[in-house]
PDB file of N, CA and C in Angstrom:
ATOM      1  N   UNK A   1      -1.694  -2.251  31.484  1.00  0.00           N
ATOM      2  CA  UNK A   1      -2.447  -1.350  30.640  1.00  0.00           C
ATOM      3  C   UNK A   1      -3.519  -2.152  29.860  1.00  0.00           C
ATOM      4  N   UNK A   2      -4.693  -1.599  29.799  1.00  0.00           N
ATOM      5  CA  UNK A   2      -5.827  -2.222  29.121  1.00  0.00           C
ATOM      6  C   UNK A   2      -5.794  -1.899  27.627  1.00  0.00           C
ATOM      7  N   UNK A   3      -5.923  -2.887  26.790  1.00  0.00           N
ATOM      8  CA  UNK A   3      -5.938  -2.650  25.334  1.00  0.00           C
ATOM      9  C   UNK A   3      -7.356  -2.301  24.893  1.00  0.00           C
ATOM     10  N   UNK A   4      -7.403  -1.408  23.919  1.00  0.00           N
ATOM     11  CA  UNK A   4      -8.739  -0.972  23.376  1.00  0.00           C
ATOM     12  C   UNK A   4      -9.436  -2.201  22.744  1.00  0.00           C
ATOM     13  N   UNK A   5     -10.747  -2.286  22.939  1.00  0.00           N
ATOM     14  CA  UNK A   5     -11.481  -3.402  22.324  1.00  0.00           C
ATOM     15  C   UNK A   5     -11.530  -3.272  20.822  1.00  0.00           C
ATOM     16  N   UNK A   6     -11.204  -2.100  20.267  1.00  0.00           N
ATOM     17  CA  UNK A   6     -11.255  -1.885  18.843  1.00  0.00           C
ATOM     18  C   UNK A   6      -9.938  -2.228  18.162  1.00  0.00           C
ATOM     19  N   UNK A   7      -8.859  -2.099  18.889  1.00  0.00           N
ATOM     20  CA  UNK A   7      -7.539  -2.195  18.282  1.00  0.00           C
ATOM     21  C   UNK A   7      -7.229  -3.524  17.654  1.00  0.00           C
ATOM     22  N   UNK A   8      -6.856  -3.473  16.362  1.00  0.00           N
ATOM     23  CA  UNK A   8      -6.317  -4.618  15.671  1.00  0.00           C
ATOM     24  C   UNK A   8      -7.358  -5.640  15.186  1.00  0.00           C
ATOM     25  N   UNK A   9      -8.634  -5.476  15.514  1.00  0.00           N
ATOM     26  CA  UNK A   9      -9.564  -6.473  15.033  1.00  0.00           C
ATOM     27  C   UNK A   9     -10.645  -5.928  14.188  1.00  0.00           C
ATOM     28  N   UNK A  10     -10.552  -4.690  13.765  1.00  0.00           N
ATOM     29  CA  UNK A  10     -11.584  -4.052  12.963  1.00  0.00           C
ATOM     30  C   UNK A  10     -10.950  -3.301  11.816  1.00  0.00           C
ATOM     31  N   UNK A  11     -11.657  -3.181  10.735  1.00  0.00           N
ATOM     32  CA  UNK A  11     -11.200  -2.375   9.623  1.00  0.00           C
ATOM     33  C   UNK A  11     -11.638  -0.933   9.777  1.00  0.00           C
ATOM     34  N   UNK A  12     -11.017  -0.062   9.032  1.00  0.00           N
ATOM     35  CA  UNK A  12     -11.401   1.363   9.051  1.00  0.00           C
ATOM     36  C   UNK A  12     -12.854   1.567   8.739  1.00  0.00           C
ATOM     37  N   UNK A  13     -13.360   0.805   7.755  1.00  0.00           N
ATOM     38  CA  UNK A  13     -14.768   0.929   7.381  1.00  0.00           C
ATOM     39  C   UNK A  13     -15.671   0.693   8.551  1.00  0.00           C
ATOM     40  N   UNK A  14     -15.458  -0.360   9.301  1.00  0.00           N
ATOM     41  CA  UNK A  14     -16.246  -0.698  10.474  1.00  0.00           C
ATOM     42  C   UNK A  14     -16.209   0.415  11.540  1.00  0.00           C
ATOM     43  N   UNK A  15     -15.024   0.944  11.770  1.00  0.00           N
ATOM     44  CA  UNK A  15     -14.875   2.001  12.744  1.00  0.00           C
ATOM     45  C   UNK A  15     -15.574   3.266  12.356  1.00  0.00           C
ATOM     46  N   UNK A  16     -15.436   3.681  11.048  1.00  0.00           N
ATOM     47  CA  UNK A  16     -16.109   4.847  10.536  1.00  0.00           C
ATOM     48  C   UNK A  16     -17.607   4.704  10.708  1.00  0.00           C
ATOM     49  N   UNK A  17     -18.136   3.544  10.323  1.00  0.00           N
ATOM     50  CA  UNK A  17     -19.560   3.301  10.467  1.00  0.00           C
ATOM     51  C   UNK A  17     -20.003   3.437  11.929  1.00  0.00           C
ATOM     52  N   UNK A  18     -19.252   2.833  12.821  1.00  0.00           N
ATOM     53  CA  UNK A  18     -19.664   2.827  14.246  1.00  0.00           C
ATOM     54  C   UNK A  18     -19.606   4.237  14.863  1.00  0.00           C
ATOM     55  N   UNK A  19     -18.630   5.025  14.471  1.00  0.00           N
ATOM     56  CA  UNK A  19     -18.462   6.350  15.088  1.00  0.00           C
ATOM     57  C   UNK A  19     -18.990   7.497  14.191  1.00  0.00           C
ATOM     58  N   UNK A  20     -19.705   7.190  13.162  1.00  0.00           N
ATOM     59  CA  UNK A  20     -20.188   8.208  12.214  1.00  0.00           C
ATOM     60  C   UNK A  20     -21.107   9.246  12.893  1.00  0.00           C
ATOM     61  N   UNK A  21     -21.834   8.885  13.933  1.00  0.00           N
ATOM     62  CA  UNK A  21     -22.739   9.802  14.587  1.00  0.00           C
ATOM     63  C   UNK A  21     -22.024  10.772  15.544  1.00  0.00           C
ATOM     64  N   UNK A  22     -20.759  10.519  15.793  1.00  0.00           N
ATOM     65  CA  UNK A  22     -20.030  11.383  16.709  1.00  0.00           C
ATOM     66  C   UNK A  22     -19.844  12.761  16.105  1.00  0.00           C
ATOM     67  N   UNK A  23     -19.871  13.784  16.940  1.00  0.00           N
ATOM     68  CA  UNK A  23     -19.683  15.152  16.488  1.00  0.00           C
ATOM     69  C   UNK A  23     -18.192  15.454  16.333  1.00  0.00           C
ATOM     70  N   UNK A  24     -17.835  16.023  15.216  1.00  0.00           N
ATOM     71  CA  UNK A  24     -16.441  16.451  14.951  1.00  0.00           C
ATOM     72  C   UNK A  24     -16.472  17.880  14.417  1.00  0.00           C
ATOM     73  N   UNK A  25     -15.588  18.725  14.915  1.00  0.00           N
ATOM     74  CA  UNK A  25     -15.511  20.110  14.394  1.00  0.00           C
ATOM     75  C   UNK A  25     -14.988  20.105  12.975  1.00  0.00           C
ATOM     76  N   UNK A  26     -14.092  19.173  12.673  1.00  0.00           N
ATOM     77  CA  UNK A  26     -13.497  19.078  11.326  1.00  0.00           C
ATOM     78  C   UNK A  26     -13.858  17.685  10.783  1.00  0.00           C
ATOM     79  N   UNK A  27     -14.441  17.649   9.578  1.00  0.00           N
ATOM     80  CA  UNK A  27     -14.841  16.351   9.052  1.00  0.00           C
ATOM     81  C   UNK A  27     -13.668  15.364   8.870  1.00  0.00           C
ATOM     82  N   UNK A  28     -12.436  15.880   8.722  1.00  0.00           N
ATOM     83  CA  UNK A  28     -11.287  15.014   8.652  1.00  0.00           C
ATOM     84  C   UNK A  28     -11.170  14.086   9.848  1.00  0.00           C
ATOM     85  N   UNK A  29     -11.597  14.593  11.007  1.00  0.00           N
ATOM     86  CA  UNK A  29     -11.458  13.820  12.260  1.00  0.00           C
ATOM     87  C   UNK A  29     -12.312  12.564  12.255  1.00  0.00           C
ATOM     88  N   UNK A  30     -13.354  12.503  11.420  1.00  0.00           N
ATOM     89  CA  UNK A  30     -14.133  11.261  11.336  1.00  0.00           C
ATOM     90  C   UNK A  30     -13.265  10.109  10.826  1.00  0.00           C
ATOM     91  N   UNK A  31     -12.192  10.419  10.110  1.00  0.00           N
ATOM     92  CA  UNK A  31     -11.288   9.412   9.631  1.00  0.00           C
ATOM     93  C   UNK A  31      -9.988   9.407  10.447  1.00  0.00           C
ATOM     94  N   UNK A  32      -9.317  10.599  10.517  1.00  0.00           N
ATOM     95  CA  UNK A  32      -8.008  10.660  11.185  1.00  0.00           C
ATOM     96  C   UNK A  32      -8.099  10.287  12.668  1.00  0.00           C
ATOM     97  N   UNK A  33      -9.223  10.608  13.286  1.00  0.00           N
ATOM     98  CA  UNK A  33      -9.366  10.317  14.726  1.00  0.00           C
ATOM     99  C   UNK A  33      -9.457   8.828  15.025  1.00  0.00           C
ATOM    100  N   UNK A  34      -9.695   8.036  14.028  1.00  0.00           N
ATOM    101  CA  UNK A  34      -9.879   6.586  14.208  1.00  0.00           C
ATOM    102  C   UNK A  34      -8.603   5.749  13.799  1.00  0.00           C
ATOM    103  N   UNK A  35      -7.640   6.405  13.197  1.00  0.00           N
ATOM    104  CA  UNK A  35      -6.483   5.678  12.713  1.00  0.00           C
ATOM    105  C   UNK A  35      -5.751   4.919  13.857  1.00  0.00           C
ATOM    106  N   UNK A  36      -5.671   5.542  15.009  1.00  0.00           N
ATOM    107  CA  UNK A  36      -4.980   4.907  16.150  1.00  0.00           C
ATOM    108  C   UNK A  36      -5.686   3.651  16.621  1.00  0.00           C
ATOM    109  N   UNK A  37      -6.980   3.506  16.313  1.00  0.00           N
ATOM    110  CA  UNK A  37      -7.694   2.297  16.757  1.00  0.00           C
ATOM    111  C   UNK A  37      -7.484   1.108  15.827  1.00  0.00           C
ATOM    112  N   UNK A  38      -6.867   1.335  14.706  1.00  0.00           N
ATOM    113  CA  UNK A  38      -6.656   0.257  13.753  1.00  0.00           C
ATOM    114  C   UNK A  38      -5.648  -0.784  14.268  1.00  0.00           C
ATOM    115  N   UNK A  39      -4.676  -0.320  15.030  1.00  0.00           N
ATOM    116  CA  UNK A  39      -3.691  -1.243  15.571  1.00  0.00           C
ATOM    117  C   UNK A  39      -2.712  -1.748  14.542  1.00  0.00           C
ATOM    118  N   UNK A  40      -2.549  -1.041  13.428  1.00  0.00           N
ATOM    119  CA  UNK A  40      -1.634  -1.442  12.376  1.00  0.00           C
ATOM    120  C   UNK A  40      -1.125  -0.185  11.692  1.00  0.00           C
ATOM    121  N   UNK A  41      -0.004  -0.335  11.013  1.00  0.00           N
ATOM    122  CA  UNK A  41       0.510   0.775  10.266  1.00  0.00           C
ATOM    123  C   UNK A  41      -0.441   1.057   9.109  1.00  0.00           C
ATOM    124  N   UNK A  42      -0.608   2.330   8.776  1.00  0.00           N
ATOM    125  CA  UNK A  42      -1.483   2.695   7.691  1.00  0.00           C
ATOM    126  C   UNK A  42      -0.737   3.597   6.713  1.00  0.00           C
ATOM    127  N   UNK A  43      -1.116   3.471   5.443  1.00  0.00           N
ATOM    128  CA  UNK A  43      -0.503   4.278   4.416  1.00  0.00           C
ATOM    129  C   UNK A  43      -1.242   5.624   4.267  1.00  0.00           C
ATOM    130  N   UNK A  44      -2.261   5.796   5.071  1.00  0.00           N
ATOM    131  CA  UNK A  44      -3.064   7.024   4.970  1.00  0.00           C
ATOM    132  C   UNK A  44      -2.337   8.177   5.671  1.00  0.00           C
ATOM    133  N   UNK A  45      -1.882   9.139   4.882  1.00  0.00           N
ATOM    134  CA  UNK A  45      -1.149  10.283   5.449  1.00  0.00           C
ATOM    135  C   UNK A  45      -2.187  11.313   6.002  1.00  0.00           C
ATOM    136  N   UNK A  46      -1.927  11.807   7.181  1.00  0.00           N
ATOM    137  CA  UNK A  46      -2.793  12.798   7.807  1.00  0.00           C
ATOM    138  C   UNK A  46      -2.519  14.137   7.195  1.00  0.00           C
ATOM    139  N   UNK A  47      -3.490  14.752   6.578  1.00  0.00           N
ATOM    140  CA  UNK A  47      -3.351  16.049   5.935  1.00  0.00           C
ATOM    141  C   UNK A  47      -4.629  16.848   6.067  1.00  0.00           C
ATOM    142  N   UNK A  48      -4.655  17.712   7.069  1.00  0.00           N
ATOM    143  CA  UNK A  48      -5.867  18.481   7.363  1.00  0.00           C
ATOM    144  C   UNK A  48      -6.105  19.598   6.284  1.00  0.00           C
ATOM    145  N   UNK A  49      -5.138  19.846   5.483  1.00  0.00           N
ATOM    146  CA  UNK A  49      -5.280  20.823   4.369  1.00  0.00           C
ATOM    147  C   UNK A  49      -5.742  20.144   3.080  1.00  0.00           C
ATOM    148  N   UNK A  50      -5.752  18.808   3.068  1.00  0.00           N
ATOM    149  CA  UNK A  50      -6.103  18.104   1.870  1.00  0.00           C
ATOM    150  C   UNK A  50      -7.615  18.172   1.543  1.00  0.00           C
ATOM    151  N   UNK A  51      -7.896  17.970   0.286  1.00  0.00           N
ATOM    152  CA  UNK A  51      -9.265  17.956  -0.185  1.00  0.00           C
ATOM    153  C   UNK A  51     -10.043  16.780   0.375  1.00  0.00           C
ATOM    154  N   UNK A  52     -11.292  17.008   0.695  1.00  0.00           N
ATOM    155  CA  UNK A  52     -12.130  15.955   1.220  1.00  0.00           C
ATOM    156  C   UNK A  52     -12.370  14.878   0.174  1.00  0.00           C
ATOM    157  N   UNK A  53     -12.417  15.275  -1.098  1.00  0.00           N
ATOM    158  CA  UNK A  53     -12.617  14.281  -2.173  1.00  0.00           C
ATOM    159  C   UNK A  53     -11.423  13.295  -2.232  1.00  0.00           C
ATOM    160  N   UNK A  54     -10.202  13.841  -2.067  1.00  0.00           N
ATOM    161  CA  UNK A  54      -9.052  12.978  -2.106  1.00  0.00           C
ATOM    162  C   UNK A  54      -9.012  12.087  -0.865  1.00  0.00           C
ATOM    163  N   UNK A  55      -9.446  12.594   0.285  1.00  0.00           N
ATOM    164  CA  UNK A  55      -9.525  11.768   1.482  1.00  0.00           C
ATOM    165  C   UNK A  55     -10.524  10.652   1.288  1.00  0.00           C
ATOM    166  N   UNK A  56     -11.628  10.935   0.619  1.00  0.00           N
ATOM    167  CA  UNK A  56     -12.616   9.919   0.296  1.00  0.00           C
ATOM    168  C   UNK A  56     -11.972   8.776  -0.463  1.00  0.00           C
ATOM    169  N   UNK A  57     -11.235   9.145  -1.517  1.00  0.00           N
ATOM    170  CA  UNK A  57     -10.576   8.134  -2.371  1.00  0.00           C
ATOM    171  C   UNK A  57      -9.520   7.346  -1.587  1.00  0.00           C
ATOM    172  N   UNK A  58      -8.760   8.016  -0.723  1.00  0.00           N
ATOM    173  CA  UNK A  58      -7.723   7.349   0.050  1.00  0.00           C
ATOM    174  C   UNK A  58      -8.359   6.349   1.035  1.00  0.00           C
ATOM    175  N   UNK A  59      -9.502   6.738   1.621  1.00  0.00           N
ATOM    176  CA  UNK A  59     -10.183   5.838   2.551  1.00  0.00           C
ATOM    177  C   UNK A  59     -10.703   4.590   1.813  1.00  0.00           C
ATOM    178  N   UNK A  60     -11.264   4.841   0.633  1.00  0.00           N
ATOM    179  CA  UNK A  60     -11.746   3.690  -0.190  1.00  0.00           C
ATOM    180  C   UNK A  60     -10.614   2.766  -0.562  1.00  0.00           C
ATOM    181  N   UNK A  61      -9.470   3.311  -0.957  1.00  0.00           N
ATOM    182  CA  UNK A  61      -8.323   2.534  -1.315  1.00  0.00           C
ATOM    183  C   UNK A  61      -7.792   1.722  -0.120  1.00  0.00           C
ATOM    184  N   UNK A  62      -7.664   2.381   1.027  1.00  0.00           N
ATOM    185  CA  UNK A  62      -7.168   1.685   2.197  1.00  0.00           C
ATOM    186  C   UNK A  62      -8.136   0.574   2.637  1.00  0.00           C
ATOM    187  N   UNK A  63      -9.451   0.863   2.568  1.00  0.00           N
ATOM    188  CA  UNK A  63     -10.434  -0.155   2.931  1.00  0.00           C
ATOM    189  C   UNK A  63     -10.350  -1.363   2.020  1.00  0.00           C
ATOM    190  N   UNK A  64     -10.190  -1.102   0.717  1.00  0.00           N
ATOM    191  CA  UNK A  64     -10.044  -2.199  -0.224  1.00  0.00           C
ATOM    192  C   UNK A  64      -8.783  -3.029   0.089  1.00  0.00           C
ATOM    193  N   UNK A  65      -7.704  -2.376   0.381  1.00  0.00           N
ATOM    194  CA  UNK A  65      -6.479  -3.075   0.741  1.00  0.00           C
ATOM    195  C   UNK A  65      -6.669  -3.957   1.982  1.00  0.00           C
ATOM    196  N   UNK A  66      -7.356  -3.385   2.995  1.00  0.00           N
ATOM    197  CA  UNK A  66      -7.590  -4.141   4.240  1.00  0.00           C
ATOM    198  C   UNK A  66      -8.484  -5.362   3.958  1.00  0.00           C
ATOM    199  N   UNK A  67      -9.533  -5.146   3.167  1.00  0.00           N
ATOM    200  CA  UNK A  67     -10.455  -6.273   2.884  1.00  0.00           C
ATOM    201  C   UNK A  67      -9.731  -7.331   2.089  1.00  0.00           C
ATOM    202  N   UNK A  68      -8.887  -6.953   1.156  1.00  0.00           N
ATOM    203  CA  UNK A  68      -8.150  -7.930   0.343  1.00  0.00           C
ATOM    204  C   UNK A  68      -7.188  -8.770   1.163  1.00  0.00           C
ATOM    205  N   UNK A  69      -6.711  -8.181   2.271  1.00  0.00           N
ATOM    206  CA  UNK A  69      -5.705  -8.879   3.106  1.00  0.00           C
ATOM    207  C   UNK A  69      -6.369  -9.864   4.069  1.00  0.00           C
ATOM    208  N   UNK A  70      -7.682  -9.770   4.238  1.00  0.00           N
ATOM    209  CA  UNK A  70      -8.398 -10.630   5.163  1.00  0.00           C
ATOM    210  C   UNK A  70      -8.795 -11.928   4.460  1.00  0.00           C
ATOM    211  N   UNK A  71      -8.417 -13.055   5.067  1.00  0.00           N
ATOM    212  CA  UNK A  71      -8.624 -14.337   4.425  1.00  0.00           C
ATOM    213  C   UNK A  71     -10.049 -14.870   4.556  1.00  0.00           C
ATOM    214  N   UNK A  72     -10.662 -14.644   5.689  1.00  0.00           N
ATOM    215  CA  UNK A  72     -11.995 -15.253   5.918  1.00  0.00           C
ATOM    216  C   UNK A  72     -13.113 -14.278   5.661  1.00  0.00           C
ATOM    217  N   UNK A  73     -14.189 -14.765   5.112  1.00  0.00           N
ATOM    218  CA  UNK A  73     -15.321 -13.891   4.770  1.00  0.00           C
ATOM    219  C   UNK A  73     -16.024 -13.305   6.022  1.00  0.00           C
ATOM    220  N   UNK A  74     -15.994 -14.000   7.123  1.00  0.00           N
ATOM    221  CA  UNK A  74     -16.656 -13.469   8.313  1.00  0.00           C
ATOM    222  C   UNK A  74     -15.930 -12.206   8.836  1.00  0.00           C
ATOM    223  N   UNK A  75     -14.620 -12.207   8.738  1.00  0.00           N
ATOM    224  CA  UNK A  75     -13.851 -11.007   9.164  1.00  0.00           C
ATOM    225  C   UNK A  75     -13.937  -9.933   8.073  1.00  0.00           C
ATOM    226  N   UNK A  76     -14.067 -10.320   6.820  1.00  0.00           N
ATOM    227  CA  UNK A  76     -14.110  -9.374   5.700  1.00  0.00           C
ATOM    228  C   UNK A  76     -15.297  -8.410   5.860  1.00  0.00           C
ATOM    229  N   UNK A  77     -16.396  -8.896   6.470  1.00  0.00           N
ATOM    230  CA  UNK A  77     -17.575  -8.015   6.664  1.00  0.00           C
ATOM    231  C   UNK A  77     -17.245  -6.758   7.400  1.00  0.00           C
ATOM    232  N   UNK A  78     -16.253  -6.765   8.288  1.00  0.00           N
ATOM    233  CA  UNK A  78     -15.940  -5.575   9.057  1.00  0.00           C
ATOM    234  C   UNK A  78     -15.174  -4.550   8.233  1.00  0.00           C
ATOM    235  N   UNK A  79     -14.879  -4.913   6.990  1.00  0.00           N
ATOM    236  CA  UNK A  79     -14.171  -3.981   6.101  1.00  0.00           C
ATOM    237  C   UNK A  79     -15.075  -3.435   4.980  1.00  0.00           C
ATOM    238  N   UNK A  80     -16.340  -3.817   4.990  1.00  0.00           N
ATOM    239  CA  UNK A  80     -17.268  -3.358   4.010  1.00  0.00           C
ATOM    240  C   UNK A  80     -18.259  -2.390   4.624  1.00  0.00           C
ATOM    241  N   UNK A  81     -18.739  -1.477   3.827  1.00  0.00           N
ATOM    242  CA  UNK A  81     -19.613  -0.421   4.358  1.00  0.00           C
ATOM    243  C   UNK A  81     -20.462   0.237   3.328  1.00  0.00           C
ATOM    244  N   UNK A  82     -21.310   1.127   3.805  1.00  0.00           N
ATOM    245  CA  UNK A  82     -22.191   1.897   2.976  1.00  0.00           C
ATOM    246  C   UNK A  82     -21.461   3.204   2.606  1.00  0.00           C
ATOM    247  N   UNK A  83     -21.282   3.402   1.316  1.00  0.00           N
ATOM    248  CA  UNK A  83     -20.544   4.585   0.871  1.00  0.00           C
ATOM    249  C   UNK A  83     -21.283   5.879   1.229  1.00  0.00           C
ATOM    250  N   UNK A  84     -22.575   5.837   1.395  1.00  0.00           N
ATOM    251  CA  UNK A  84     -23.331   7.042   1.807  1.00  0.00           C
ATOM    252  C   UNK A  84     -22.856   7.547   3.147  1.00  0.00           C
ATOM    253  N   UNK A  85     -22.483   6.646   4.034  1.00  0.00           N
ATOM    254  CA  UNK A  85     -22.000   7.054   5.365  1.00  0.00           C
ATOM    255  C   UNK A  85     -20.729   7.828   5.223  1.00  0.00           C
ATOM    256  N   UNK A  86     -19.803   7.377   4.409  1.00  0.00           N
ATOM    257  CA  UNK A  86     -18.559   8.092   4.200  1.00  0.00           C
ATOM    258  C   UNK A  86     -18.749   9.458   3.539  1.00  0.00           C
ATOM    259  N   UNK A  87     -19.617   9.496   2.546  1.00  0.00           N
ATOM    260  CA  UNK A  87     -19.942  10.750   1.876  1.00  0.00           C
ATOM    261  C   UNK A  87     -20.527  11.728   2.902  1.00  0.00           C
ATOM    262  N   UNK A  88     -21.407  11.215   3.751  1.00  0.00           N
ATOM    263  CA  UNK A  88     -22.107  12.068   4.739  1.00  0.00           C
ATOM    264  C   UNK A  88     -21.128  12.661   5.720  1.00  0.00           C
ATOM    265  N   UNK A  89     -20.268  11.841   6.327  1.00  0.00           N
ATOM    266  CA  UNK A  89     -19.397  12.357   7.378  1.00  0.00           C
ATOM    267  C   UNK A  89     -18.303  13.333   6.816  1.00  0.00           C
ATOM    268  N   UNK A  90     -17.986  13.138   5.522  1.00  0.00           N
ATOM    269  CA  UNK A  90     -17.016  14.062   4.906  1.00  0.00           C
ATOM    270  C   UNK A  90     -17.694  15.275   4.260  1.00  0.00           C
ATOM    271  N   UNK A  91     -19.027  15.366   4.452  1.00  0.00           N
ATOM    272  CA  UNK A  91     -19.807  16.499   3.866  1.00  0.00           C
ATOM    273  C   UNK A  91     -19.630  16.564   2.336  1.00  0.00           C
ATOM    274  N   UNK A  92     -19.737  15.445   1.696  1.00  0.00           N
ATOM    275  CA  UNK A  92     -19.574  15.353   0.254  1.00  0.00           C
ATOM    276  C   UNK A  92     -20.829  14.799  -0.393  1.00  0.00           C
ATOM    277  N   UNK A  93     -20.962  15.038  -1.670  1.00  0.00           N
ATOM    278  CA  UNK A  93     -21.989  14.426  -2.512  1.00  0.00           C
ATOM    279  C   UNK A  93     -21.225  13.617  -3.577  1.00  0.00           C
ATOM    280  N   UNK A  94     -21.826  12.620  -4.119  1.00  0.00           N
ATOM    281  CA  UNK A  94     -21.194  11.788  -5.127  1.00  0.00           C
ATOM    282  C   UNK A  94     -20.781  12.652  -6.322  1.00  0.00           C
ATOM    283  N   UNK A  95     -21.547  13.676  -6.637  1.00  0.00           N
ATOM    284  CA  UNK A  95     -21.222  14.559  -7.713  1.00  0.00           C
ATOM    285  C   UNK A  95     -19.889  15.288  -7.484  1.00  0.00           C
ATOM    286  N   UNK A  96     -19.569  15.562  -6.196  1.00  0.00           N
ATOM    287  CA  UNK A  96     -18.286  16.212  -5.858  1.00  0.00           C
ATOM    288  C   UNK A  96     -17.127  15.318  -6.225  1.00  0.00           C
ATOM    289  N   UNK A  97     -17.318  14.054  -6.003  1.00  0.00           N
ATOM    290  CA  UNK A  97     -16.215  13.116  -6.319  1.00  0.00           C
ATOM    291  C   UNK A  97     -15.946  13.071  -7.808  1.00  0.00           C
ATOM    292  N   UNK A  98     -17.017  12.956  -8.614  1.00  0.00           N
ATOM    293  CA  UNK A  98     -16.829  12.845 -10.048  1.00  0.00           C
ATOM    294  C   UNK A  98     -16.370  14.135 -10.661  1.00  0.00           C
ATOM    295  N   UNK A  99     -16.656  15.277 -10.036  1.00  0.00           N
ATOM    296  CA  UNK A  99     -16.295  16.575 -10.612  1.00  0.00           C
ATOM    297  C   UNK A  99     -14.860  16.985 -10.218  1.00  0.00           C
ATOM    298  N   UNK A 100     -14.248  16.306  -9.276  1.00  0.00           N
ATOM    299  CA  UNK A 100     -12.906  16.739  -8.786  1.00  0.00           C
ATOM    300  C   UNK A 100     -11.826  16.335  -9.770  1.00  0.00           C
ATOM    301  N   UNK A 101     -11.140  17.360 -10.320  1.00  0.00           N
ATOM    302  CA  UNK A 101     -10.156  17.147 -11.427  1.00  0.00           C
ATOM    303  C   UNK A 101      -9.000  16.235 -10.993  1.00  0.00           C
ATOM    304  N   UNK A 102      -8.384  16.551  -9.883  1.00  0.00           N
ATOM    305  CA  UNK A 102      -7.223  15.732  -9.448  1.00  0.00           C
ATOM    306  C   UNK A 102      -7.664  14.289  -9.159  1.00  0.00           C
ATOM    307  N   UNK A 103      -8.824  14.121  -8.626  1.00  0.00           N
ATOM    308  CA  UNK A 103      -9.286  12.780  -8.347  1.00  0.00           C
ATOM    309  C   UNK A 103      -9.587  11.994  -9.628  1.00  0.00           C
ATOM    310  N   UNK A 104     -10.120  12.694 -10.642  1.00  0.00           N
ATOM    311  CA  UNK A 104     -10.345  12.039 -11.953  1.00  0.00           C
ATOM    312  C   UNK A 104      -9.024  11.518 -12.500  1.00  0.00           C
ATOM    313  N   UNK A 105      -7.999  12.339 -12.430  1.00  0.00           N
ATOM    314  CA  UNK A 105      -6.674  11.888 -12.925  1.00  0.00           C
ATOM    315  C   UNK A 105      -6.162  10.702 -12.131  1.00  0.00           C
ATOM    316  N   UNK A 106      -6.351  10.741 -10.808  1.00  0.00           N
ATOM    317  CA  UNK A 106      -5.872   9.668  -9.977  1.00  0.00           C
ATOM    318  C   UNK A 106      -6.612   8.359 -10.265  1.00  0.00           C
ATOM    319  N   UNK A 107      -7.935   8.411 -10.442  1.00  0.00           N
ATOM    320  CA  UNK A 107      -8.707   7.254 -10.763  1.00  0.00           C
ATOM    321  C   UNK A 107      -8.272   6.684 -12.081  1.00  0.00           C
ATOM    322  N   UNK A 108      -8.073   7.575 -13.093  1.00  0.00           N
ATOM    323  CA  UNK A 108      -7.637   7.146 -14.415  1.00  0.00           C
ATOM    324  C   UNK A 108      -6.234   6.453 -14.308  1.00  0.00           C
ATOM    325  N   UNK A 109      -5.377   6.982 -13.491  1.00  0.00           N
ATOM    326  CA  UNK A 109      -4.051   6.368 -13.336  1.00  0.00           C
ATOM    327  C   UNK A 109      -4.184   5.023 -12.667  1.00  0.00           C
ATOM    328  N   UNK A 110      -5.049   4.913 -11.706  1.00  0.00           N
ATOM    329  CA  UNK A 110      -5.255   3.597 -11.044  1.00  0.00           C
ATOM    330  C   UNK A 110      -5.800   2.573 -12.003  1.00  0.00           C
ATOM    331  N   UNK A 111      -6.772   2.964 -12.828  1.00  0.00           N
ATOM    332  CA  UNK A 111      -7.307   2.077 -13.822  1.00  0.00           C
ATOM    333  C   UNK A 111      -6.243   1.649 -14.837  1.00  0.00           C
ATOM    334  N   UNK A 112      -5.457   2.636 -15.249  1.00  0.00           N
ATOM    335  CA  UNK A 112      -4.383   2.344 -16.188  1.00  0.00           C
ATOM    336  C   UNK A 112      -3.387   1.374 -15.594  1.00  0.00           C
ATOM    337  N   UNK A 113      -3.056   1.557 -14.316  1.00  0.00           N
ATOM    338  CA  UNK A 113      -2.116   0.661 -13.642  1.00  0.00           C
ATOM    339  C   UNK A 113      -2.627  -0.771 -13.609  1.00  0.00           C
ATOM    340  N   UNK A 114      -3.937  -0.925 -13.320  1.00  0.00           N
ATOM    341  CA  UNK A 114      -4.528  -2.243 -13.308  1.00  0.00           C
ATOM    342  C   UNK A 114      -4.503  -2.875 -14.667  1.00  0.00           C
ATOM    343  N   UNK A 115      -4.822  -2.120 -15.701  1.00  0.00           N
ATOM    344  CA  UNK A 115      -4.813  -2.628 -17.069  1.00  0.00           C
ATOM    345  C   UNK A 115      -3.409  -3.037 -17.483  1.00  0.00           C
ATOM    346  N   UNK A 116      -2.387  -2.262 -17.057  1.00  0.00           N
ATOM    347  CA  UNK A 116      -0.987  -2.573 -17.434  1.00  0.00           C
ATOM    348  C   UNK A 116      -0.588  -3.894 -16.744  1.00  0.00           C
ATOM    349  N   UNK A 117      -1.019  -4.090 -15.491  1.00  0.00           N
ATOM    350  CA  UNK A 117      -0.695  -5.317 -14.807  1.00  0.00           C
ATOM    351  C   UNK A 117      -1.310  -6.542 -15.442  1.00  0.00           C
ATOM    352  N   UNK A 118      -2.514  -6.399 -15.990  1.00  0.00           N
ATOM    353  CA  UNK A 118      -3.216  -7.508 -16.607  1.00  0.00           C
ATOM    354  C   UNK A 118      -2.578  -7.916 -17.936  1.00  0.00           C
ATOM    355  N   UNK A 119      -1.877  -7.042 -18.595  1.00  0.00           N
ATOM    356  CA  UNK A 119      -1.295  -7.360 -19.909  1.00  0.00           C
ATOM    357  C   UNK A 119      -0.008  -8.173 -19.784  1.00  0.00           C
TER     358      UNK A 119
END
């Protein structure tokens, strides 16, 4: 069996960037359709009923975790990306992210957790 050239050597950010121009009936597929190419377990739960704003935050969180786990800077580049691409494929505007009530609470909780760890 031939292994995918994408599997295990790329971050989600790199895959989303590469496949952003592909047509999807549901914007969720721009992310969920690529999870199998990661070649690793992911904490990203597939939820087609979930808000796009929350999916945006989950993707950013997962990408940050992946980048943090990579030791060398040359490989780290495949985990960095342009946020405009992610907003575009999820049919979002930055204003949507900041206006989302549940996401505001989640971001506040994440900041609080970081502050608690630093103390």
